Amino acid sequence: MTTLTQMAVEVLNTADGRAKTALSHKHAAAWFAARAAGEPIAVGTATPPDMPARPDRPALLSPRDVPVRKPGTPEGREAMLHAVAHIELNAVDLHWDIIARFGHVAMPTGFYDDWVKCADEESKHFNLVSDCLEAIGSHYGALNAHAGMWRAAEDTAADLLGRLAVVPMVLEARGLDVTPRMIGLFKQAKQKDAVAALEVIYAEEVAHVAYGSKWFNFLCGRDDLDPKETFHALVRQYFHSTLRPPFNEEKRAEAGIPPDFYWPLTEQIKD
C-alpha cells in the first residue's frame, strides 16, 4: 500500500501546477478519509527530490533580475498575482517536502494531519490565484519568477527544527505582514475575485504559521531547548537576511509567535 511519504514524493515530482495541486488534493482527501475510517495510511519513509519538478515556464531568475512593477498599475497587479501564485505553488511543495523529508523523525500523527491540511489549502490558494490571472488574460508562467524560493528547503534539508523556524515561522509569517496591503490595492482596483482569493489566503495562513510554531515548540520541549534562543539561533543560521518591519503583531500573536521572537532579528549581527 502507498505510504504518505510516497504520496508526498509523487506530488513533488509532478511539474505542472494544476496537475500538482490536483494530486495534492487527491492525496490529502485519501489521508483524511483513511483516518476517518480507522484505517490510517502508514507514514513510511521516502527519498524526496532535491528540487521539486517545475513547468518550463515561468523562467526562474535571481531576485535582482525579476522586474519590479508599480503596484498601482494593471501590469503591477498582474505581477503581484503572479508572484503570489508562485509563492503558493512553492508552499504546496514545501508542505509535502516536510512530510517526505522528515518521515524518519518520530512525530505524532497530528504533525502529519497539520501539514497535509496545509498542503491541501495551499493547493486551493494556487488555483484561486491562477483563476484570477486567467480572468485578466494572463496565466501562471506568463512572467518570470523568483528562483530563490526553494533555498530555505535546501538549507534546512537535514534539520526539522530549522525548517519549522524558517519556513512557517519566518517566510509564511511574512505573508501575514504584507497581505493586508495587497488586499487594499485590489479593493481600490475593484478586482473582487482577487480580493476574495487574498482574503481566503490571509485567513488560512494564520493557521499555517501556528502549526509551525506548535511543532517547533513541541520539539524544543522534547529536546529540552529554550524555544526563543533556539529560534534566534536557527534563523540566524539559515535565513540569509534580517527580518524587516512592519510586523502584523496581532496575527503573529494569534499564530503563537510573540514579539520577542522576531524583533531581535531585525538587528544586524556584529562579528
C-alpha atoms as a PDB file:
ATOM      1  CA  MET A   1       0.000   0.000   0.000  1.00  0.00           C
ATOM      2  CA  THR A   2       1.210   3.504  -0.838  1.00  0.00           C
ATOM      3  CA  THR A   3       2.550   5.416   2.181  1.00  0.00           C
ATOM      4  CA  LEU A   4       2.075   9.100   2.963  1.00  0.00           C
ATOM      5  CA  THR A   5       5.721   9.878   2.230  1.00  0.00           C
ATOM      6  CA  GLN A   6       5.405   8.170  -1.164  1.00  0.00           C
ATOM      7  CA  MET A   7       2.330  10.294  -1.860  1.00  0.00           C
ATOM      8  CA  ALA A   8       4.347  13.374  -0.940  1.00  0.00           C
ATOM      9  CA  VAL A   9       7.151  12.438  -3.355  1.00  0.00           C
ATOM     10  CA  GLU A  10       4.599  11.901  -6.126  1.00  0.00           C
ATOM     11  CA  VAL A  11       3.347  15.468  -5.659  1.00  0.00           C
ATOM     12  CA  LEU A  12       6.903  16.817  -5.570  1.00  0.00           C
ATOM     13  CA  ASN A  13       7.725  15.028  -8.843  1.00  0.00           C
ATOM     14  CA  THR A  14       4.702  16.489 -10.686  1.00  0.00           C
ATOM     15  CA  ALA A  15       5.702  19.528 -12.743  1.00  0.00           C
ATOM     16  CA  ASP A  16       2.508  21.234 -13.946  1.00  0.00           C
ATOM     17  CA  GLY A  17       0.944  23.490 -11.337  1.00  0.00           C
ATOM     18  CA  ARG A  18      -2.667  22.458 -11.932  1.00  0.00           C
ATOM     19  CA  ALA A  19      -1.721  18.762 -12.052  1.00  0.00           C
ATOM     20  CA  LYS A  20       0.416  19.093  -8.927  1.00  0.00           C
ATOM     21  CA  THR A  21      -2.383  20.709  -6.953  1.00  0.00           C
ATOM     22  CA  ALA A  22      -4.977  18.203  -8.210  1.00  0.00           C
ATOM     23  CA  LEU A  23      -2.762  15.354  -6.990  1.00  0.00           C
ATOM     24  CA  SER A  24      -2.195  17.211  -3.723  1.00  0.00           C
ATOM     25  CA  HIS A  25      -5.958  17.469  -3.190  1.00  0.00           C
ATOM     26  CA  LYS A  26      -6.395  13.774  -4.064  1.00  0.00           C
ATOM     27  CA  HIS A  27      -3.746  12.583  -1.606  1.00  0.00           C
ATOM     28  CA  ALA A  28      -4.963  14.876   1.181  1.00  0.00           C
ATOM     29  CA  ALA A  29      -8.509  13.537   0.753  1.00  0.00           C
ATOM     30  CA  ALA A  30      -7.221   9.951   0.833  1.00  0.00           C
ATOM     31  CA  TRP A  31      -5.198  10.600   4.008  1.00  0.00           C
ATOM     32  CA  PHE A  32      -8.121  12.086   5.911  1.00  0.00           C
ATOM     33  CA  ALA A  33     -10.647   9.548   4.587  1.00  0.00           C
ATOM     34  CA  ALA A  34      -8.431   6.701   5.769  1.00  0.00           C
ATOM     35  CA  ARG A  35      -8.024   8.344   9.170  1.00  0.00           C
ATOM     36  CA  ALA A  36     -11.807   8.788   9.492  1.00  0.00           C
ATOM     37  CA  ALA A  37     -12.378   5.131   8.556  1.00  0.00           C
ATOM     38  CA  GLY A  38      -9.977   3.950  11.257  1.00  0.00           C
ATOM     39  CA  GLU A  39      -7.615   2.519   8.640  1.00  0.00           C
ATOM     40  CA  PRO A  40      -4.814   5.098   8.630  1.00  0.00           C
ATOM     41  CA  ILE A  41      -2.242   5.246   5.860  1.00  0.00           C
ATOM     42  CA  ALA A  42       1.278   4.468   7.086  1.00  0.00           C
ATOM     43  CA  VAL A  43       3.681   7.419   7.088  1.00  0.00           C
ATOM     44  CA  GLY A  44       6.670   5.367   5.919  1.00  0.00           C
ATOM     45  CA  THR A  45       9.887   6.876   4.630  1.00  0.00           C
ATOM     46  CA  ALA A  46      10.856   8.067   1.170  1.00  0.00           C
ATOM     47  CA  THR A  47      13.561   9.954  -0.694  1.00  0.00           C
ATOM     48  CA  PRO A  48      12.244  13.283  -1.995  1.00  0.00           C
ATOM     49  CA  PRO A  49      13.927  15.076  -4.901  1.00  0.00           C
ATOM     50  CA  ASP A  50      16.414  17.829  -4.073  1.00  0.00           C
ATOM     51  CA  MET A  51      14.246  20.151  -6.170  1.00  0.00           C
ATOM     52  CA  PRO A  52      10.547  19.666  -6.930  1.00  0.00           C
ATOM     53  CA  ALA A  53       9.524  19.291 -10.563  1.00  0.00           C
ATOM     54  CA  ARG A  54       8.585  22.572 -12.224  1.00  0.00           C
ATOM     55  CA  PRO A  55       6.952  23.542 -15.522  1.00  0.00           C
ATOM     56  CA  ASP A  56       9.096  25.045 -18.287  1.00  0.00           C
ATOM     57  CA  ARG A  57       7.538  28.445 -17.514  1.00  0.00           C
ATOM     58  CA  PRO A  58       7.975  30.622 -15.537  1.00  0.00           C
ATOM     59  CA  ALA A  59      11.672  31.132 -16.010  1.00  0.00           C
ATOM     60  CA  LEU A  60      13.285  31.312 -12.574  1.00  0.00           C
ATOM     61  CA  LEU A  61      15.585  34.314 -12.147  1.00  0.00           C
ATOM     62  CA  SER A  62      17.793  35.733  -9.453  1.00  0.00           C
ATOM     63  CA  PRO A  63      15.717  38.087  -7.263  1.00  0.00           C
ATOM     64  CA  ARG A  64      17.638  41.117  -8.542  1.00  0.00           C
ATOM     65  CA  ASP A  65      16.694  40.213 -12.132  1.00  0.00           C
ATOM     66  CA  VAL A  66      12.927  39.988 -11.553  1.00  0.00           C
ATOM     67  CA  PRO A  67      11.412  43.286 -12.795  1.00  0.00           C
ATOM     68  CA  VAL A  68       9.703  45.495 -10.241  1.00  0.00           C
ATOM     69  CA  ARG A  69       6.401  46.912 -11.497  1.00  0.00           C
ATOM     70  CA  LYS A  70       4.366  49.695  -9.938  1.00  0.00           C
ATOM     71  CA  PRO A  71       1.620  48.076  -7.829  1.00  0.00           C
ATOM     72  CA  GLY A  72      -0.987  50.689  -8.777  1.00  0.00           C
ATOM     73  CA  THR A  73      -0.925  49.717 -12.472  1.00  0.00           C
ATOM     74  CA  PRO A  74      -2.655  46.773 -14.206  1.00  0.00           C
ATOM     75  CA  GLU A  75       0.781  45.352 -15.032  1.00  0.00           C
ATOM     76  CA  GLY A  76       1.806  45.735 -11.411  1.00  0.00           C
ATOM     77  CA  ARG A  77      -1.287  43.935 -10.166  1.00  0.00           C
ATOM     78  CA  GLU A  78      -0.732  41.120 -12.670  1.00  0.00           C
ATOM     79  CA  ALA A  79       2.854  40.799 -11.434  1.00  0.00           C
ATOM     80  CA  MET A  80       1.653  40.751  -7.847  1.00  0.00           C
ATOM     81  CA  LEU A  81      -0.845  37.961  -8.534  1.00  0.00           C
ATOM     82  CA  HIS A  82       1.794  36.019 -10.446  1.00  0.00           C
ATOM     83  CA  ALA A  83       4.211  36.330  -7.529  1.00  0.00           C
ATOM     84  CA  VAL A  84       1.525  35.102  -5.109  1.00  0.00           C
ATOM     85  CA  ALA A  85       0.764  32.109  -7.358  1.00  0.00           C
ATOM     86  CA  HIS A  86       4.487  31.287  -7.407  1.00  0.00           C
ATOM     87  CA  ILE A  87       4.677  31.517  -3.620  1.00  0.00           C
ATOM     88  CA  GLU A  88       1.624  29.294  -3.195  1.00  0.00           C
ATOM     89  CA  LEU A  89       2.954  26.633  -5.583  1.00  0.00           C
ATOM     90  CA  ASN A  90       6.233  26.583  -3.674  1.00  0.00           C
ATOM     91  CA  ALA A  91       4.248  26.316  -0.444  1.00  0.00           C
ATOM     92  CA  VAL A  92       2.471  23.198  -1.756  1.00  0.00           C
ATOM     93  CA  ASP A  93       5.874  21.608  -2.307  1.00  0.00           C
ATOM     94  CA  LEU A  94       7.302  22.836   0.987  1.00  0.00           C
ATOM     95  CA  HIS A  95       4.489  21.226   2.969  1.00  0.00           C
ATOM     96  CA  TRP A  96       4.713  17.896   1.137  1.00  0.00           C
ATOM     97  CA  ASP A  97       8.502  18.060   1.400  1.00  0.00           C
ATOM     98  CA  ILE A  98       8.447  18.373   5.203  1.00  0.00           C
ATOM     99  CA  ILE A  99       6.414  15.139   5.242  1.00  0.00           C
ATOM    100  CA  ALA A 100       8.605  13.300   2.740  1.00  0.00           C
ATOM    101  CA  ARG A 101      11.964  14.528   4.041  1.00  0.00           C
ATOM    102  CA  PHE A 102      11.391  14.015   7.755  1.00  0.00           C
ATOM    103  CA  GLY A 103       9.333  10.819   7.766  1.00  0.00           C
ATOM    104  CA  HIS A 104      12.154   9.167   9.705  1.00  0.00           C
ATOM    105  CA  VAL A 105      11.665  11.556  12.660  1.00  0.00           C
ATOM    106  CA  ALA A 106       9.237  10.168  15.241  1.00  0.00           C
ATOM    107  CA  MET A 107       6.316  12.606  15.355  1.00  0.00           C
ATOM    108  CA  PRO A 108       2.672  12.384  16.496  1.00  0.00           C
ATOM    109  CA  THR A 109       0.028  11.741  13.839  1.00  0.00           C
ATOM    110  CA  GLY A 110      -1.214  15.306  14.343  1.00  0.00           C
ATOM    111  CA  PHE A 111       2.015  16.576  12.788  1.00  0.00           C
ATOM    112  CA  TYR A 112       1.094  14.880   9.507  1.00  0.00           C
ATOM    113  CA  ASP A 113      -2.536  15.963   9.774  1.00  0.00           C
ATOM    114  CA  ASP A 114      -1.426  19.586  10.011  1.00  0.00           C
ATOM    115  CA  TRP A 115       0.971  19.564   7.060  1.00  0.00           C
ATOM    116  CA  VAL A 116      -1.351  17.565   4.810  1.00  0.00           C
ATOM    117  CA  LYS A 117      -4.070  20.117   5.596  1.00  0.00           C
ATOM    118  CA  CYS A 118      -1.648  22.960   4.836  1.00  0.00           C
ATOM    119  CA  ALA A 119      -0.635  21.396   1.513  1.00  0.00           C
ATOM    120  CA  ASP A 120      -4.300  20.947   0.615  1.00  0.00           C
ATOM    121  CA  GLU A 121      -5.080  24.588   1.410  1.00  0.00           C
ATOM    122  CA  GLU A 122      -2.006  25.904  -0.424  1.00  0.00           C
ATOM    123  CA  SER A 123      -3.176  23.919  -3.447  1.00  0.00           C
ATOM    124  CA  LYS A 124      -6.522  25.709  -3.240  1.00  0.00           C
ATOM    125  CA  HIS A 125      -4.707  29.049  -2.920  1.00  0.00           C
ATOM    126  CA  PHE A 126      -2.631  28.413  -6.053  1.00  0.00           C
ATOM    127  CA  ASN A 127      -5.745  27.594  -8.045  1.00  0.00           C
ATOM    128  CA  LEU A 128      -7.667  30.607  -6.748  1.00  0.00           C
ATOM    129  CA  VAL A 129      -4.860  32.969  -7.778  1.00  0.00           C
ATOM    130  CA  SER A 130      -4.331  31.172 -11.099  1.00  0.00           C
ATOM    131  CA  ASP A 131      -8.040  31.668 -11.808  1.00  0.00           C
ATOM    132  CA  CYS A 132      -7.604  35.387 -11.112  1.00  0.00           C
ATOM    133  CA  LEU A 133      -4.662  35.552 -13.536  1.00  0.00           C
ATOM    134  CA  GLU A 134      -6.649  33.778 -16.247  1.00  0.00           C
ATOM    135  CA  ALA A 135      -9.598  36.116 -15.696  1.00  0.00           C
ATOM    136  CA  ILE A 136      -7.386  39.071 -16.699  1.00  0.00           C
ATOM    137  CA  GLY A 137      -5.953  37.259 -19.738  1.00  0.00           C
ATOM    138  CA  SER A 138      -2.774  36.018 -18.090  1.00  0.00           C
ATOM    139  CA  HIS A 139      -1.672  32.729 -16.528  1.00  0.00           C
ATOM    140  CA  TYR A 140       0.916  31.273 -14.167  1.00  0.00           C
ATOM    141  CA  GLY A 141       4.121  31.145 -16.200  1.00  0.00           C
ATOM    142  CA  ALA A 142       3.382  34.305 -18.191  1.00  0.00           C
ATOM    143  CA  LEU A 143       6.004  36.252 -16.213  1.00  0.00           C
ATOM    144  CA  ASN A 144       9.405  35.400 -14.813  1.00  0.00           C
ATOM    145  CA  ALA A 145       9.643  34.373 -11.158  1.00  0.00           C
ATOM    146  CA  HIS A 146      11.925  34.304  -8.133  1.00  0.00           C
ATOM    147  CA  ALA A 147      14.489  31.471  -8.216  1.00  0.00           C
ATOM    148  CA  GLY A 148      15.299  31.671  -4.511  1.00  0.00           C
ATOM    149  CA  MET A 149      12.019  30.316  -3.173  1.00  0.00           C
ATOM    150  CA  TRP A 150      13.395  26.807  -2.621  1.00  0.00           C
ATOM    151  CA  ARG A 151      16.590  27.926  -0.876  1.00  0.00           C
ATOM    152  CA  ALA A 152      15.093  27.609   2.624  1.00  0.00           C
ATOM    153  CA  ALA A 153      14.180  23.993   1.866  1.00  0.00           C
ATOM    154  CA  GLU A 154      17.676  23.220   0.621  1.00  0.00           C
ATOM    155  CA  ASP A 155      19.347  24.885   3.599  1.00  0.00           C
ATOM    156  CA  THR A 156      17.193  23.009   6.128  1.00  0.00           C
ATOM    157  CA  ALA A 157      17.041  19.640   4.359  1.00  0.00           C
ATOM    158  CA  ALA A 158      18.656  17.892   7.336  1.00  0.00           C
ATOM    159  CA  ASP A 159      17.190  19.994  10.156  1.00  0.00           C
ATOM    160  CA  LEU A 160      13.499  19.726  11.019  1.00  0.00           C
ATOM    161  CA  LEU A 161      13.698  22.413  13.717  1.00  0.00           C
ATOM    162  CA  GLY A 162      15.419  24.726  11.234  1.00  0.00           C
ATOM    163  CA  ARG A 163      12.753  24.027   8.624  1.00  0.00           C
ATOM    164  CA  LEU A 164       9.966  24.889  11.061  1.00  0.00           C
ATOM    165  CA  ALA A 165      11.742  28.062  12.167  1.00  0.00           C
ATOM    166  CA  VAL A 166      12.469  29.427   8.697  1.00  0.00           C
ATOM    167  CA  VAL A 167       9.538  28.301   6.538  1.00  0.00           C
ATOM    168  CA  PRO A 168       6.312  28.747   8.541  1.00  0.00           C
ATOM    169  CA  MET A 169       7.653  30.992  11.322  1.00  0.00           C
ATOM    170  CA  VAL A 170       9.605  33.430   9.104  1.00  0.00           C
ATOM    171  CA  LEU A 171       8.583  33.119   5.446  1.00  0.00           C
ATOM    172  CA  GLU A 172       4.884  32.386   5.936  1.00  0.00           C
ATOM    173  CA  ALA A 173       4.675  34.829   8.838  1.00  0.00           C
ATOM    174  CA  ARG A 174       5.883  37.481   6.384  1.00  0.00           C
ATOM    175  CA  GLY A 175       2.730  36.835   4.381  1.00  0.00           C
ATOM    176  CA  LEU A 176       0.681  37.919   7.391  1.00  0.00           C
ATOM    177  CA  ASP A 177       2.554  41.241   7.312  1.00  0.00           C
ATOM    178  CA  VAL A 178       2.150  42.063   3.610  1.00  0.00           C
ATOM    179  CA  THR A 179      -1.186  40.555   2.552  1.00  0.00           C
ATOM    180  CA  PRO A 180      -3.454  43.253   4.075  1.00  0.00           C
ATOM    181  CA  ARG A 181      -1.792  45.912   1.903  1.00  0.00           C
ATOM    182  CA  MET A 182      -2.244  43.745  -1.195  1.00  0.00           C
ATOM    183  CA  ILE A 183      -5.923  43.288  -0.384  1.00  0.00           C
ATOM    184  CA  GLY A 184      -6.248  47.067  -0.130  1.00  0.00           C
ATOM    185  CA  LEU A 185      -4.642  47.586  -3.554  1.00  0.00           C
ATOM    186  CA  PHE A 186      -7.020  45.155  -5.242  1.00  0.00           C
ATOM    187  CA  LYS A 187     -10.003  46.681  -3.455  1.00  0.00           C
ATOM    188  CA  GLN A 188      -9.022  50.074  -4.883  1.00  0.00           C
ATOM    189  CA  ALA A 189      -8.847  48.491  -8.342  1.00  0.00           C
ATOM    190  CA  LYS A 190     -12.262  46.834  -7.796  1.00  0.00           C
ATOM    191  CA  GLN A 191     -10.857  43.380  -8.635  1.00  0.00           C
ATOM    192  CA  LYS A 192     -13.307  41.485  -6.465  1.00  0.00           C
ATOM    193  CA  ASP A 193     -12.109  37.984  -7.355  1.00  0.00           C
ATOM    194  CA  ALA A 194      -8.548  38.852  -6.374  1.00  0.00           C
ATOM    195  CA  VAL A 195      -9.736  40.401  -3.113  1.00  0.00           C
ATOM    196  CA  ALA A 196     -11.743  37.264  -2.301  1.00  0.00           C
ATOM    197  CA  ALA A 197      -8.779  34.978  -3.091  1.00  0.00           C
ATOM    198  CA  LEU A 198      -6.353  37.014  -0.991  1.00  0.00           C
ATOM    199  CA  GLU A 199      -8.794  37.143   1.928  1.00  0.00           C
ATOM    200  CA  VAL A 200      -9.022  33.331   1.908  1.00  0.00           C
ATOM    201  CA  ILE A 201      -5.223  33.090   1.828  1.00  0.00           C
ATOM    202  CA  TYR A 202      -4.838  35.627   4.638  1.00  0.00           C
ATOM    203  CA  ALA A 203      -7.321  33.829   6.889  1.00  0.00           C
ATOM    204  CA  GLU A 204      -5.833  30.377   6.360  1.00  0.00           C
ATOM    205  CA  GLU A 205      -2.157  31.358   6.543  1.00  0.00           C
ATOM    206  CA  VAL A 206      -2.559  32.225  10.235  1.00  0.00           C
ATOM    207  CA  ALA A 207      -3.136  28.536  10.968  1.00  0.00           C
ATOM    208  CA  HIS A 208      -0.161  27.525   8.809  1.00  0.00           C
ATOM    209  CA  VAL A 209       2.149  29.767  10.809  1.00  0.00           C
ATOM    210  CA  ALA A 210       0.559  28.449  14.000  1.00  0.00           C
ATOM    211  CA  TYR A 211       1.301  24.851  13.006  1.00  0.00           C
ATOM    212  CA  GLY A 212       4.941  25.800  12.578  1.00  0.00           C
ATOM    213  CA  SER A 213       5.017  27.437  15.993  1.00  0.00           C
ATOM    214  CA  LYS A 214       3.218  24.495  17.618  1.00  0.00           C
ATOM    215  CA  TRP A 215       5.574  21.821  16.305  1.00  0.00           C
ATOM    216  CA  PHE A 216       8.646  23.979  16.827  1.00  0.00           C
ATOM    217  CA  ASN A 217       7.713  24.352  20.489  1.00  0.00           C
ATOM    218  CA  PHE A 218       6.862  20.637  20.701  1.00  0.00           C
ATOM    219  CA  LEU A 219      10.342  19.659  19.506  1.00  0.00           C
ATOM    220  CA  CYS A 220      12.031  22.216  21.761  1.00  0.00           C
ATOM    221  CA  GLY A 221      10.126  20.783  24.716  1.00  0.00           C
ATOM    222  CA  ARG A 222      11.021  17.224  23.782  1.00  0.00           C
ATOM    223  CA  ASP A 223      14.700  18.109  23.459  1.00  0.00           C
ATOM    224  CA  ASP A 224      14.766  20.451  26.490  1.00  0.00           C
ATOM    225  CA  LEU A 225      15.669  23.508  24.398  1.00  0.00           C
ATOM    226  CA  ASP A 226      14.743  27.126  25.063  1.00  0.00           C
ATOM    227  CA  PRO A 227      12.352  27.983  22.187  1.00  0.00           C
ATOM    228  CA  LYS A 228      13.238  31.666  21.856  1.00  0.00           C
ATOM    229  CA  GLU A 229      17.002  31.192  21.962  1.00  0.00           C
ATOM    230  CA  THR A 230      16.769  28.219  19.603  1.00  0.00           C
ATOM    231  CA  PHE A 231      14.585  30.161  17.170  1.00  0.00           C
ATOM    232  CA  HIS A 232      17.014  33.083  17.113  1.00  0.00           C
ATOM    233  CA  ALA A 233      19.997  30.784  16.529  1.00  0.00           C
ATOM    234  CA  LEU A 234      18.315  28.837  13.723  1.00  0.00           C
ATOM    235  CA  VAL A 235      17.003  31.897  11.894  1.00  0.00           C
ATOM    236  CA  ARG A 236      20.445  33.483  12.045  1.00  0.00           C
ATOM    237  CA  GLN A 237      21.937  30.253  10.724  1.00  0.00           C
ATOM    238  CA  TYR A 238      19.518  29.591   7.869  1.00  0.00           C
ATOM    239  CA  PHE A 239      17.795  32.868   6.947  1.00  0.00           C
ATOM    240  CA  HIS A 240      20.103  34.988   4.825  1.00  0.00           C
ATOM    241  CA  SER A 241      18.824  38.398   5.888  1.00  0.00           C
ATOM    242  CA  THR A 242      17.458  40.300   8.843  1.00  0.00           C
ATOM    243  CA  LEU A 243      13.716  40.460   9.428  1.00  0.00           C
ATOM    244  CA  ARG A 244      12.099  43.691   8.293  1.00  0.00           C
ATOM    245  CA  PRO A 245       9.239  45.503   9.994  1.00  0.00           C
ATOM    246  CA  PRO A 246       6.443  46.467   9.922  1.00  0.00           C
ATOM    247  CA  PHE A 247       5.061  43.316  11.528  1.00  0.00           C
ATOM    248  CA  ASN A 248       1.449  42.255  11.860  1.00  0.00           C
ATOM    249  CA  GLU A 249       1.795  41.739  15.589  1.00  0.00           C
ATOM    250  CA  GLU A 250      -1.855  40.823  16.128  1.00  0.00           C
ATOM    251  CA  LYS A 251      -1.862  37.969  13.591  1.00  0.00           C
ATOM    252  CA  ARG A 252       1.614  36.809  14.594  1.00  0.00           C
ATOM    253  CA  ALA A 253       0.421  36.588  18.217  1.00  0.00           C
ATOM    254  CA  GLU A 254      -2.658  34.688  17.051  1.00  0.00           C
ATOM    255  CA  ALA A 255      -0.265  32.238  15.377  1.00  0.00           C
ATOM    256  CA  GLY A 256       1.720  31.807  18.581  1.00  0.00           C
ATOM    257  CA  ILE A 257       4.770  33.959  17.763  1.00  0.00           C
ATOM    258  CA  PRO A 258       5.398  36.682  20.384  1.00  0.00           C
ATOM    259  CA  PRO A 259       7.260  39.910  19.554  1.00  0.00           C
ATOM    260  CA  ASP A 260      10.426  38.912  21.423  1.00  0.00           C
ATOM    261  CA  PHE A 261      10.885  36.112  18.887  1.00  0.00           C
ATOM    262  CA  TYR A 262      11.126  38.361  15.831  1.00  0.00           C
ATOM    263  CA  TRP A 263      12.053  41.915  16.869  1.00  0.00           C
ATOM    264  CA  PRO A 264      15.627  40.971  17.921  1.00  0.00           C
ATOM    265  CA  LEU A 265      16.129  39.504  14.434  1.00  0.00           C
ATOM    266  CA  THR A 266      15.680  42.914  12.831  1.00  0.00           C
ATOM    267  CA  GLU A 267      19.177  43.833  14.051  1.00  0.00           C
ATOM    268  CA  GLN A 268      22.302  43.009  12.108  1.00  0.00           C
ATOM    269  CA  ILE A 269      24.609  40.653  13.985  1.00  0.00           C
ATOM    270  CA  LYS A 270      28.031  42.194  14.533  1.00  0.00           C
ATOM    271  CA  ASP A 271      31.083  39.935  14.305  1.00  0.00           C
END
